[in-house]
Structures are given as structure tokens and as C-alpha cells.
Amino acid sequence: MKCVMSDKTIQDLKVDAHIAVLHTKVDSLVEKQKELTERVRANEKVVAAVTLLGTVVLAVIGAGYFAPNADASTPSAGEWIQGMRDWKSEQNRTPIDESINIMLGTLLSGVGYLIYWIMTYDDRTQPRNEDSNTGS
């Protein structure tokens, strides 16, 4: 039986073993980074959903606050005539509650689009790696 000697010294073998250990540790850290990134993305989605819910609740509360109060009394003749004059003058104006509703709708649409943008951020920005092991 012939013993084959390699050109590598003991020191070279120690360095190779050390490099292999470091390579394993780097791979482990990369996997941990991927896991943490996924957890952060999930938390971002929860925060975005809670923010959207809070915005909707504030919009509903705001719309209820600015809604006109109901009046159950019967108007007098003067009040009726003044009401007709007011009605006629208001025909060319946009009511404040309609303006507020349009503003709230625009705000909710913007927030909805922002939530959509946040939820799809990873799909738009993730690099397209063919094979992460090439070059190893």
C-alpha cells in the first residue's frame, strides 16, 4: 500500500478547515437574515392594515360628527319662505358634507393605494437571482 502525500501542509489544512467553518456560519447567517426579513415584512403588513383600519374609523367618526342634526319642529311661514330662498341659493353650491365626503373618499383611496404599494413592495424590489450558489 502506497501512502500519497499531498503538497498541503498541516497549516494549509487548518486554514481550509477554518474557511469551511466560516462558510457554514455565513450560510447560517444568510438564512437567519432571510427569516428576519420575512418577519419584518409580515409586521409591516400588519402595521399597514391597522393604520388603514384606524383611518377608516376616523373617517366614519368624522362623517358622523359633521352630519347635520335632525330637526323635528314645524317651521313657521317666514321660516318656510327663508328656507326656500336658502334652498334656491344652495342649488349652485357644493354642500359642505359632500365636499367632506369627497375629501374622505380621496384620502381613503390614497391610503388604500399606499397599503397596496406596501404589500407589493417585495415583489417589485426583490433582486432576481438565478442561482444563489454560483460562485461558491
Protein backbone atom coordinates (compact mmCIF):
# COMPACT_ATOMS: atom_id res chain seq x y z
CA MET A 1 0.00 0.00 0.00
CA LYS A 2 1.34 3.30 -1.05
CA CYS A 3 0.82 6.42 1.05
CA VAL A 4 0.11 9.51 -1.07
CA MET A 5 1.49 12.73 0.31
CA SER A 6 -0.15 15.93 -0.70
CA ASP A 7 1.55 19.24 -1.15
CA LYS A 8 -0.58 20.76 1.60
CA THR A 9 0.96 21.29 4.97
CA ILE A 10 -0.80 20.97 8.30
CA GLN A 11 -1.14 24.75 8.39
CA ASP A 12 -2.86 24.73 4.96
CA LEU A 13 -5.27 22.05 6.16
CA LYS A 14 -6.09 24.11 9.27
CA VAL A 15 -6.76 27.16 7.10
CA ASP A 16 -9.02 25.11 4.80
CA ALA A 17 -10.94 23.75 7.79
CA HIS A 18 -11.30 27.26 9.21
CA ILE A 19 -12.60 28.54 5.85
CA ALA A 20 -15.13 25.68 5.70
CA VAL A 21 -16.38 26.53 9.22
CA LEU A 22 -16.68 30.22 8.31
CA HIS A 23 -18.53 29.34 5.10
CA THR A 24 -21.04 27.28 7.12
CA LYS A 25 -21.52 30.14 9.58
CA VAL A 26 -22.08 32.64 6.74
CA ASP A 27 -24.69 30.34 5.18
CA SER A 28 -26.44 30.09 8.55
CA LEU A 29 -26.41 33.87 8.95
CA VAL A 30 -27.82 34.39 5.44
CA GLU A 31 -30.71 32.03 6.24
CA LYS A 32 -31.34 33.84 9.53
CA GLN A 33 -31.33 37.18 7.67
CA LYS A 34 -33.93 35.85 5.21
CA GLU A 35 -36.11 34.67 8.10
CA LEU A 36 -35.86 38.04 9.87
CA THR A 37 -36.61 39.91 6.64
CA GLU A 38 -39.77 37.84 6.17
CA ARG A 39 -40.83 38.58 9.75
CA VAL A 40 -40.24 42.32 9.27
CA ARG A 41 -42.31 42.27 6.05
CA ALA A 42 -45.14 40.49 7.88
CA ASN A 43 -45.02 43.09 10.67
CA GLU A 44 -45.08 45.91 8.11
CA LYS A 45 -48.22 44.43 6.58
CA VAL A 46 -49.91 44.23 10.00
CA VAL A 47 -49.00 47.85 10.75
CA ALA A 48 -50.33 48.94 7.35
CA ALA A 49 -53.62 47.08 7.91
CA VAL A 50 -54.06 48.57 11.40
CA THR A 51 -53.32 52.04 10.02
CA LEU A 52 -55.92 51.57 7.31
CA LEU A 53 -58.47 50.41 9.88
CA GLY A 54 -57.72 53.45 12.06
CA THR A 55 -58.12 55.76 9.08
CA VAL A 56 -61.48 54.24 8.20
CA VAL A 57 -62.68 54.53 11.81
CA LEU A 58 -61.61 58.19 11.95
CA ALA A 59 -63.37 58.85 8.63
CA VAL A 60 -66.61 57.31 9.90
CA ILE A 61 -66.40 59.23 13.17
CA GLY A 62 -65.63 62.45 11.29
CA ALA A 63 -68.52 61.94 8.87
CA GLY A 64 -70.88 61.33 11.81
CA TYR A 65 -69.61 64.42 13.61
CA PHE A 66 -70.23 66.72 10.63
CA ALA A 67 -73.64 65.24 9.74
CA PRO A 68 -76.47 67.74 10.19
CA ASN A 69 -78.76 67.32 13.16
CA ALA A 70 -82.37 66.31 12.53
CA ASP A 71 -84.98 68.99 13.24
CA ALA A 72 -88.43 67.68 14.16
CA SER A 73 -90.20 71.05 14.62
CA THR A 74 -92.66 72.50 12.08
CA PRO A 75 -91.37 75.76 10.53
CA SER A 76 -93.44 78.97 10.52
CA ALA A 77 -94.39 80.69 7.23
CA GLY A 78 -91.39 83.06 7.47
CA GLU A 79 -89.04 80.20 8.17
CA TRP A 80 -90.54 78.27 5.27
CA ILE A 81 -90.02 81.18 2.85
CA GLN A 82 -86.46 81.74 4.12
CA GLY A 83 -85.84 78.02 3.72
CA MET A 84 -86.99 78.19 0.09
CA ARG A 85 -84.68 81.16 -0.54
CA ASP A 86 -81.79 79.30 1.06
CA TRP A 87 -82.60 76.20 -0.97
CA LYS A 88 -82.62 78.19 -4.20
CA SER A 89 -79.27 79.85 -3.40
CA GLU A 90 -77.72 76.50 -2.45
CA GLN A 91 -78.52 74.92 -5.83
CA ASN A 92 -75.30 76.34 -7.30
CA ARG A 93 -73.11 75.48 -4.30
CA THR A 94 -71.48 72.22 -3.32
CA PRO A 95 -72.67 71.25 0.17
CA ILE A 96 -70.01 71.02 2.85
CA ASP A 97 -70.87 67.42 3.69
CA GLU A 98 -70.42 66.44 0.03
CA SER A 99 -67.06 68.21 -0.03
CA ILE A 100 -66.04 66.37 3.14
CA ASN A 101 -67.21 63.05 1.71
CA ILE A 102 -65.21 63.64 -1.48
CA MET A 103 -62.15 64.53 0.59
CA LEU A 104 -62.56 61.43 2.78
CA GLY A 105 -63.04 59.24 -0.30
CA THR A 106 -59.89 60.66 -1.84
CA LEU A 107 -58.00 60.12 1.42
CA LEU A 108 -59.20 56.52 1.74
CA SER A 109 -58.34 55.81 -1.90
CA GLY A 110 -54.84 57.19 -1.32
CA VAL A 111 -54.40 55.15 1.86
CA GLY A 112 -55.69 52.04 0.08
CA TYR A 113 -53.21 52.53 -2.75
CA LEU A 114 -50.43 53.11 -0.21
CA ILE A 115 -51.32 49.85 1.57
CA TYR A 116 -51.32 48.04 -1.79
CA TRP A 117 -47.95 49.59 -2.62
CA ILE A 118 -46.51 48.48 0.75
CA MET A 119 -47.92 44.94 0.39
CA THR A 120 -46.40 44.51 -3.09
CA TYR A 121 -43.08 46.25 -2.33
CA ASP A 122 -41.15 42.96 -2.09
CA ASP A 123 -42.43 41.80 -5.48
CA ARG A 124 -41.21 44.99 -7.13
CA THR A 125 -37.83 45.35 -5.41
CA GLN A 126 -36.58 41.80 -4.81
CA PRO A 127 -33.50 41.05 -6.90
CA ARG A 128 -33.87 38.22 -9.39
CA ASN A 129 -31.06 35.76 -8.56
CA GLU A 130 -30.76 32.84 -10.96
CA ASP A 131 -28.78 30.72 -8.51
CA SER A 132 -27.54 31.94 -5.16
CA ASN A 133 -24.88 29.20 -5.00
CA THR A 134 -22.99 30.22 -8.13
CA GLY A 135 -19.51 31.41 -7.35
CA SER A 136 -19.29 29.32 -4.16
